[in-house]
Protein backbone atom coordinates (compact mmCIF):
# COMPACT_ATOMS: atom_id res chain seq x y z
CA MET A 1 106.72 147.01 96.38
CA LYS A 2 106.62 144.85 93.25
CA PHE A 3 106.66 141.06 93.58
CA SER A 4 108.95 138.95 91.39
CA LEU A 5 107.11 135.88 90.21
CA LYS A 6 110.37 134.31 89.02
CA ALA A 7 111.94 134.78 92.42
CA VAL A 8 109.00 133.10 94.13
CA ALA A 9 109.20 130.14 91.74
CA PHE A 10 112.95 129.82 92.32
CA ALA A 11 112.45 129.88 96.10
CA ALA A 12 109.79 127.19 95.88
CA LEU A 13 112.15 125.04 93.81
CA VAL A 14 114.93 125.45 96.40
CA CYS A 15 112.58 124.52 99.26
CA ALA A 16 111.31 121.45 97.41
CA SER A 17 114.88 120.37 96.65
CA SER A 18 116.00 120.72 100.27
CA ALA A 19 113.03 118.60 101.46
CA ARG A 20 113.99 115.55 99.39
CA PRO A 21 115.20 112.51 101.31
CA ALA A 22 118.93 111.86 101.41
CA GLU A 23 118.53 108.33 100.08
CA PRO A 24 116.21 108.29 97.07
CA LEU A 25 114.73 105.10 95.69
CA ARG A 26 116.94 103.39 93.12
CA LEU A 27 115.52 101.08 90.50
CA PRO A 28 118.24 98.34 90.59
CA GLY A 29 117.75 97.88 94.34
CA LEU A 30 113.97 97.67 93.97
CA ILE A 31 114.29 95.06 91.22
CA ALA A 32 116.68 92.97 93.32
CA ASP A 33 114.33 93.13 96.32
CA ALA A 34 111.32 92.16 94.22
CA LEU A 35 113.06 89.18 92.61
CA ALA A 36 114.17 87.99 96.05
CA ASN A 37 110.92 88.52 97.95
CA ASN A 38 108.01 88.54 95.52
CA PRO A 39 105.68 85.57 96.22
CA GLU A 40 104.98 85.01 92.51
CA VAL A 41 108.68 84.69 91.74
CA ARG A 42 109.31 82.38 94.68
CA ALA A 43 106.36 80.16 93.74
CA ALA A 44 107.57 79.90 90.14
CA GLN A 45 111.06 79.06 91.37
CA LYS A 46 109.72 76.23 93.53
CA ARG A 47 107.68 74.89 90.61
CA TYR A 48 110.85 74.75 88.53
CA GLU A 49 112.86 73.15 91.32
CA ALA A 50 110.13 70.55 91.76
CA ALA A 51 110.14 69.82 88.02
CA ARG A 52 113.89 69.23 88.12
CA GLN A 53 113.32 66.26 90.43
CA ARG A 54 111.28 64.34 87.86
CA PRO A 55 113.83 63.20 85.21
CA SER A 56 115.81 60.91 87.53
CA GLN A 57 112.58 59.39 88.84
CA GLU A 58 111.31 58.67 85.34
CA ARG A 59 114.62 57.10 84.22
CA SER A 60 114.80 54.69 87.17
CA LEU A 61 113.52 51.13 87.17
CA PRO A 62 110.29 50.29 88.99
CA ASP A 63 110.81 49.04 92.52
CA PRO A 64 111.38 45.26 92.71
CA MET A 65 108.75 43.15 94.44
CA LEU A 66 109.50 40.71 97.24
CA SER A 67 106.85 38.06 97.90
CA VAL A 68 107.15 35.85 101.02
CA GLY A 69 104.75 32.99 101.77
CA TYR A 70 104.16 29.31 102.35
CA ALA A 71 102.06 26.42 101.15
CA SER A 72 100.89 23.80 103.65
CA ASN A 73 98.88 20.58 103.57
CA GLY A 74 96.64 19.11 106.26
CA ASN A 75 96.31 22.38 108.22
CA PRO A 76 96.61 26.09 107.47
CA LEU A 77 99.60 26.63 109.76
CA PRO A 78 103.07 27.21 108.26
CA GLY A 79 105.04 24.01 107.74
CA GLY A 80 102.09 21.61 107.51
CA GLN A 81 103.51 18.34 106.01
CA LEU A 82 106.73 20.22 105.19
CA GLY A 83 109.25 17.66 103.91
CA THR A 84 106.66 14.94 103.34
CA ASN A 85 104.37 16.51 100.80
CA PRO A 86 105.99 17.99 97.67
CA THR A 87 103.48 20.83 97.55
CA SER A 88 104.30 22.04 101.07
CA ASN A 89 107.02 24.69 101.20
CA ILE A 90 108.13 27.99 102.69
CA GLY A 91 109.87 30.49 100.40
CA PHE A 92 110.07 33.80 98.67
CA VAL A 93 109.96 35.29 95.17
CA VAL A 94 111.76 38.42 93.94
CA SER A 95 110.35 40.03 90.78
CA GLN A 96 111.48 42.99 88.74
CA GLU A 97 109.46 44.77 86.08
CA ILE A 98 111.67 45.80 83.17
CA PRO A 99 110.30 48.37 80.69
CA TYR A 100 110.87 47.82 77.00
CA PRO A 101 114.30 49.19 75.96
CA GLY A 102 114.26 52.95 75.39
CA LYS A 103 111.13 53.72 77.40
CA ARG A 104 112.92 54.84 80.56
CA ARG A 105 115.22 57.13 78.62
CA LEU A 106 112.29 58.68 76.77
CA ARG A 107 110.33 59.21 79.97
CA GLY A 108 113.34 60.90 81.56
CA ASP A 109 113.85 63.10 78.50
CA ILE A 110 110.16 64.10 78.54
CA ALA A 111 110.45 65.07 82.21
CA ALA A 112 113.62 67.03 81.40
CA LYS A 113 111.77 68.98 78.69
CA ASP A 114 109.00 69.69 81.19
CA ALA A 115 111.66 71.06 83.56
CA ASP A 116 113.15 73.18 80.76
CA ALA A 117 109.72 74.58 79.95
CA GLU A 118 109.11 75.29 83.64
CA PHE A 119 112.43 77.14 83.81
CA GLN A 120 111.33 79.38 80.94
CA GLN A 121 108.06 79.98 82.78
CA PHE A 122 110.07 80.91 85.86
CA GLN A 123 112.09 83.38 83.81
CA ALA A 124 108.89 84.80 82.32
CA VAL A 125 107.50 85.38 85.83
CA GLU A 126 110.74 87.11 86.83
CA LEU A 127 110.58 89.32 83.75
CA ASN A 128 106.94 90.13 84.41
CA VAL A 129 107.59 91.15 88.02
CA ARG A 130 110.66 93.11 86.95
CA SER A 131 108.63 94.94 84.30
CA ARG A 132 105.87 95.76 86.77
CA VAL A 133 108.41 97.11 89.28
CA ILE A 134 109.97 99.30 86.59
CA GLN A 135 106.59 100.60 85.47
CA ALA A 136 105.42 101.30 89.04
CA PHE A 137 108.73 103.04 89.77
CA HIS A 138 108.39 105.32 86.74
CA ARG A 139 104.75 106.07 87.52
CA LEU A 140 105.78 106.99 91.06
CA HIS A 141 108.60 109.16 89.70
CA HIS A 142 106.18 110.85 87.30
CA SER A 143 103.76 111.61 90.13
CA TYR A 144 106.52 113.32 92.11
CA ALA A 145 107.64 115.31 89.06
CA ALA A 146 104.06 116.30 88.20
CA LEU A 147 103.35 117.36 91.79
CA GLU A 148 106.47 119.49 91.74
CA ILE A 149 105.34 121.15 88.51
CA LEU A 150 101.87 121.76 89.92
CA ALA A 151 103.34 123.12 93.18
CA HIS A 152 105.43 125.64 91.23
CA ALA A 153 102.39 126.60 89.16
CA LYS A 154 100.39 127.05 92.35
CA GLU A 155 103.02 129.40 93.78
CA LEU A 156 102.99 131.44 90.61
CA LEU A 157 99.18 131.59 90.65
CA LEU A 158 99.12 132.70 94.27
CA GLU A 159 101.67 135.40 93.53
CA THR A 160 99.69 136.45 90.47
CA ILE A 161 96.52 136.70 92.58
CA ARG A 162 98.35 138.90 95.09
CA VAL A 163 99.55 141.17 92.30
CA SER A 164 96.01 141.26 90.85
CA GLU A 165 94.53 142.18 94.21
CA ALA A 166 97.06 144.98 94.56
CA ARG A 167 96.19 146.27 91.10
CA TYR A 168 92.46 145.97 91.83
CA THR A 169 92.90 147.96 95.02
CA ALA A 170 94.69 150.60 92.99
CA GLY A 171 91.85 150.61 90.47
CA LYS A 172 94.04 149.32 87.62
CA THR A 173 92.09 146.14 86.90
CA GLY A 174 88.66 144.60 87.28
CA GLN A 175 87.51 142.11 89.89
CA GLN A 176 86.74 139.50 87.26
CA GLU A 177 90.47 138.96 86.76
CA ILE A 178 90.82 137.93 90.40
CA PHE A 179 87.88 135.54 90.07
CA LYS A 180 89.41 134.03 86.95
CA ALA A 181 92.72 133.46 88.74
CA GLU A 182 90.96 131.87 91.71
CA VAL A 183 89.08 129.50 89.41
CA GLN A 184 92.38 128.49 87.85
CA LEU A 185 93.80 127.93 91.33
CA SER A 186 90.88 125.67 92.30
CA MET A 187 91.27 123.65 89.10
CA LEU A 188 94.96 123.30 89.86
CA GLU A 189 94.11 121.97 93.31
CA THR A 190 91.97 119.22 91.76
CA ARG A 191 94.89 118.19 89.57
CA ILE A 192 97.16 118.04 92.62
CA ILE A 193 94.67 115.81 94.47
CA ARG A 194 94.40 113.42 91.51
CA MET A 195 98.17 113.26 91.18
CA GLN A 196 98.51 112.53 94.90
CA GLN A 197 96.13 109.62 94.36
CA ASP A 198 98.34 108.38 91.50
CA ARG A 199 101.37 108.55 93.78
CA GLN A 200 99.65 106.55 96.51
CA THR A 201 98.54 103.95 93.98
CA ALA A 202 102.08 103.58 92.62
CA GLU A 203 103.47 103.26 96.15
CA ALA A 204 100.91 100.57 97.01
CA GLU A 205 101.76 98.63 93.84
CA LEU A 206 105.49 98.81 94.57
CA ASN A 207 105.01 97.61 98.14
CA SER A 208 102.93 94.71 96.86
CA LEU A 209 105.55 93.72 94.29
CA LEU A 210 108.34 93.98 96.88
CA GLY A 211 106.47 91.77 99.32
CA ARG A 212 106.26 94.56 101.89
CA ALA A 213 103.43 95.53 104.20
CA PRO A 214 100.86 97.91 102.66
CA GLY A 215 101.61 101.51 103.50
CA SER A 216 105.36 100.98 104.00
CA ALA A 217 107.35 104.17 103.45
CA LEU A 218 109.20 104.25 100.14
CA GLY A 219 110.54 107.76 99.65
CA GLU A 220 111.04 109.66 96.44
CA PRO A 221 112.45 107.89 93.37
CA GLY A 222 115.85 108.98 92.13
CA GLU A 223 116.33 110.37 88.66
CA GLU A 224 116.55 107.76 85.90
CA GLU A 225 117.60 109.37 82.65
CA PRO A 226 115.94 107.66 79.66
CA VAL A 227 118.31 105.81 77.34
CA ALA A 228 117.65 105.55 73.61
CA LEU A 229 116.77 102.10 72.29
CA PRO A 230 120.01 100.38 71.26
CA LEU A 231 118.43 98.03 68.69
CA THR A 232 116.23 98.40 65.67
CA LEU A 233 112.83 96.77 65.53
CA ASP A 234 114.00 94.25 62.92
CA LYS A 235 116.94 93.23 65.12
CA LEU A 236 114.69 92.80 68.16
CA LEU A 237 112.27 90.63 66.19
CA ALA A 238 115.07 88.57 64.67
CA ASP A 239 116.59 87.83 68.09
CA ALA A 240 113.28 87.30 69.91
CA ALA A 241 113.09 83.60 69.03
CA ASP A 242 116.31 83.01 70.98
CA THR A 243 115.68 85.42 73.86
CA ALA A 244 111.93 85.52 74.52
CA PRO A 245 111.06 83.03 77.31
CA ASP A 246 107.53 82.47 75.98
CA LEU A 247 108.80 81.30 72.59
CA ILE A 248 111.60 79.20 74.09
CA ARG A 249 109.03 77.52 76.34
CA GLU A 250 106.77 76.73 73.38
CA ARG A 251 109.76 75.27 71.54
CA LYS A 252 110.56 73.04 74.54
CA LEU A 253 106.96 71.82 74.52
CA ILE A 254 107.30 70.89 70.84
CA GLU A 255 110.43 68.89 71.66
CA ARG A 256 108.52 67.27 74.49
CA GLY A 257 105.72 66.39 72.08
CA ASP A 258 108.17 64.68 69.71
CA LEU A 259 109.48 62.55 72.56
CA SER A 260 105.94 61.71 73.71
CA VAL A 261 105.07 60.47 70.21
CA ASN A 262 108.15 58.22 70.21
CA LEU A 263 107.22 56.89 73.65
CA ALA A 264 103.66 56.21 72.49
CA ARG A 265 105.07 54.16 69.59
CA LYS A 266 107.17 52.12 71.99
CA GLU A 267 104.08 51.38 74.07
CA PHE A 268 103.10 48.89 71.35
CA HIS A 269 105.95 46.80 72.76
CA PRO A 270 105.05 45.41 76.20
CA ASP A 271 107.13 45.60 79.32
CA TYR A 272 108.05 42.32 80.98
CA THR A 273 108.59 41.06 84.51
CA VAL A 274 111.42 38.73 85.55
CA SER A 275 110.88 36.65 88.72
CA ALA A 276 113.16 34.35 90.73
CA GLY A 277 112.14 32.36 93.81
CA TYR A 278 113.41 29.93 96.42
CA PHE A 279 111.23 27.45 98.36
CA ASN A 280 112.33 25.38 101.33
CA GLN A 281 110.69 21.92 101.38
CA GLY A 282 112.16 20.59 104.62
CA ALA A 283 113.80 17.17 104.20
CA MET A 284 113.05 17.22 100.52
CA SER A 285 115.23 19.05 98.00
CA PRO A 286 114.64 22.84 97.83
CA MET A 287 112.69 24.17 94.89
CA TYR A 288 113.79 27.09 92.70
CA GLN A 289 111.66 29.12 90.32
CA VAL A 290 112.56 31.51 87.47
CA ARG A 291 110.03 32.94 85.08
CA VAL A 292 109.34 35.86 82.70
CA ASP A 293 105.84 37.43 82.43
CA ILE A 294 105.07 39.21 79.17
CA PRO A 295 101.73 40.98 78.56
CA ILE A 296 100.02 40.26 75.27
CA ARG A 297 98.83 43.36 73.41
CA LEU A 298 95.45 41.98 72.37
CA HIS A 299 93.72 45.37 72.62
CA ALA A 300 96.32 47.59 70.96
CA GLU A 301 93.77 49.11 68.58
CA GLN A 302 91.63 50.20 71.51
CA LYS A 303 94.45 51.35 73.80
CA GLN A 304 97.90 51.89 72.29
CA ARG A 305 96.70 53.16 68.90
CA PRO A 306 94.43 55.88 70.36
CA ALA A 307 97.21 56.80 72.81
CA LEU A 308 99.58 57.32 69.87
CA ASN A 309 97.00 59.41 68.00
CA GLU A 310 96.50 61.49 71.13
CA GLN A 311 100.20 62.33 71.34
CA VAL A 312 100.34 63.13 67.61
CA ASP A 313 97.46 65.58 68.06
CA ARG A 314 99.12 67.13 71.12
CA LEU A 315 102.32 67.61 69.12
CA ALA A 316 100.34 69.35 66.38
CA GLU A 317 98.74 71.54 69.05
CA ALA A 318 102.17 72.48 70.42
CA ARG A 319 103.35 73.50 66.95
CA ARG A 320 100.26 75.63 66.37
CA ASN A 321 100.74 77.22 69.79
CA PHE A 322 104.29 78.11 68.81
CA GLU A 323 103.11 79.71 65.57
CA ALA A 324 100.43 81.67 67.44
CA GLY A 325 103.01 82.72 70.03
CA GLU A 326 105.33 83.97 67.30
CA GLN A 327 102.59 86.07 65.74
CA SER A 328 101.43 87.45 69.09
CA LEU A 329 104.98 88.27 70.15
CA GLU A 330 105.73 90.06 66.89
CA PHE A 331 102.60 92.18 67.26
CA ARG A 332 103.29 93.05 70.89
CA VAL A 333 106.95 93.84 70.22
CA ARG A 334 106.00 96.06 67.29
CA GLU A 335 103.34 97.80 69.35
CA ALA A 336 105.71 98.46 72.27
CA TYR A 337 108.56 99.53 69.98
CA ILE A 338 106.38 102.00 68.08
CA ALA A 339 105.07 103.38 71.38
CA ALA A 340 108.62 103.80 72.69
CA ASP A 341 109.86 105.42 69.48
CA THR A 342 106.90 107.80 69.34
CA ALA A 343 107.28 108.79 73.00
CA TRP A 344 111.02 109.36 72.55
CA ARG A 345 110.51 111.67 69.56
CA LEU A 346 107.69 113.57 71.28
CA ARG A 347 109.83 113.95 74.42
CA GLN A 348 112.62 115.45 72.34
CA LEU A 349 110.18 117.82 70.64
CA TYR A 350 108.69 118.98 73.95
CA MET A 351 112.10 119.37 75.54
CA ASP A 352 113.91 121.09 72.66
CA THR A 353 111.15 123.20 71.12
CA ILE A 354 107.75 123.38 72.79
CA LEU A 355 108.82 123.89 76.42
CA PRO A 356 111.33 126.70 75.64
CA GLN A 357 108.66 128.42 73.55
CA ALA A 358 106.09 128.07 76.35
CA GLN A 359 108.61 129.41 78.89
CA LEU A 360 109.37 132.46 76.72
CA THR A 361 105.64 133.12 76.34
CA VAL A 362 105.08 132.95 80.11
CA ASP A 363 108.08 135.20 80.83
CA ALA A 364 106.90 137.77 78.28
CA SER A 365 103.31 137.81 79.57
CA LEU A 366 104.44 138.04 83.21
CA THR A 367 106.76 140.94 82.43
CA ALA A 368 104.02 142.72 80.52
CA TYR A 369 101.50 142.15 83.32
CA GLN A 370 103.84 143.36 86.04
CA THR A 371 104.51 146.54 84.10
CA GLY A 372 100.81 147.10 83.46
CA ALA A 373 101.02 146.46 79.72
CA GLY A 374 99.32 143.05 79.75
CA ASP A 375 96.19 141.44 81.12
CA LEU A 376 95.75 138.63 83.60
CA ILE A 377 93.84 136.35 81.22
CA ALA A 378 96.88 136.09 78.95
CA VAL A 379 99.10 135.32 81.94
CA LEU A 380 96.77 132.58 83.16
CA ASN A 381 96.38 131.02 79.72
CA ASN A 382 100.12 131.05 79.10
CA LEU A 383 100.86 129.66 82.55
CA SER A 384 98.30 126.88 82.06
CA THR A 385 99.83 126.05 78.70
CA LYS A 386 103.31 125.85 80.23
CA VAL A 387 102.09 123.55 83.00
CA ASP A 388 100.45 121.31 80.41
CA VAL A 389 103.63 121.25 78.34
CA GLU A 390 105.78 120.35 81.35
CA GLU A 391 103.39 117.58 82.29
CA GLN A 392 103.34 116.31 78.71
CA LEU A 393 107.13 116.27 78.68
CA HIS A 394 107.18 114.05 81.77
CA GLU A 395 104.30 111.94 80.46
CA GLN A 396 106.22 111.22 77.27
CA ALA A 397 109.23 110.19 79.36
CA LEU A 398 106.90 107.97 81.37
CA ASP A 399 105.32 106.46 78.25
CA TYR A 400 108.80 105.76 76.85
CA SER A 401 109.95 104.04 80.04
CA LEU A 402 106.76 101.94 80.23
CA ALA A 403 107.12 100.86 76.60
CA VAL A 404 110.78 99.91 77.08
CA ALA A 405 109.85 97.91 80.18
CA ARG A 406 107.26 96.00 78.13
CA LEU A 407 109.84 95.38 75.41
CA GLU A 408 112.30 93.99 77.95
CA GLU A 409 109.64 91.68 79.35
CA LEU A 410 108.64 90.42 75.89
CA THR A 411 112.15 89.89 74.51
CA GLY A 412 113.98 88.87 77.68
CA ARG A 413 116.67 91.53 77.09
CA GLU A 414 117.77 94.37 79.35
CA LEU A 415 117.66 97.09 76.71
CA THR A 416 118.44 99.88 79.17
CA LYS A 417 121.79 98.26 79.99
CA GLU A 418 122.55 97.52 76.33
CA GLY A 419 121.91 101.18 75.48
CA LYS A 420 124.41 102.54 78.01
């Protein structure tokens, strides 16, 4: 009885397909869960919400001061010589500090820019977590696909070994062929073990990003067909200044620096305090008091001038940080775009040309070996080449998905949706 290696491979594929869970993992659901439950995202959200509370505080006036007291003569008790001595009285004073005009508005605007920058940081954290979820998902999907490829190759190798043993028993081949096939099988087992480790690592990373307990069951990822990039590199770079959270945040910090310089200039003008008081003097006429306290800027060159220079330097720093951020973003976007484009073209080449050629080579060598016209070494080499090609095909799809995820994180755009 002759064994059909193709039939065995088809049966293994059917068994693997029937064992898949009914509800595969879907990327949109994982992203939604991560954004809702990830501790990093929630912490960044609270930082932003806290920053939103600052502008109204900074725009408000300082709390007024109420002073209550007495002055007595002859004894320290309240009312001593009240009504007989003009310096004896019981009363109160209300005072209000009033900042120089424009300071409160500037302080509120500075706090608002801080909140805007914190919002961009919050969005950057969301994009980072989203990107990591996408990358972990695709690595997990790749591990399942690679294990399926290796499982099929293992079935073919086992069938080939059985055929070789039958031929050896019949005296049609040498024992070294069986040893060679067994070595190939052992090497395949090591690849399966490493890929199982990769799958466990991807599952652990996903559980961590989703805020789930370590070791939680995830299941097998569903198929996510790669989508070609919808935008050119030049278009992505041109739009990045308006979509990339990192650059928007740096721009908000520049605007904050401008406001801080203006506030530092206004600090040359002192704030003042207005006070009003009433004093009861018993039988004598009550006494009223109104006054304005104005600080004198005697030490402006030691205090206000250095404070202004400090804010000017910080503004210059913010502008340099923006320039550095632009350069870094352009490099990283170019790097990720080139990686995605290269992986896409290689995937097409493997899928359209190399894999069909490898499959034809394996089919031809298997047919020749089963009919006694070929040798086992050729079968093993061709089968190993086909396994490598299939893995490379999936690795290029993985590399493409990882690069696109990095691009989406850098630019703040959902390129996969735009490409559909």
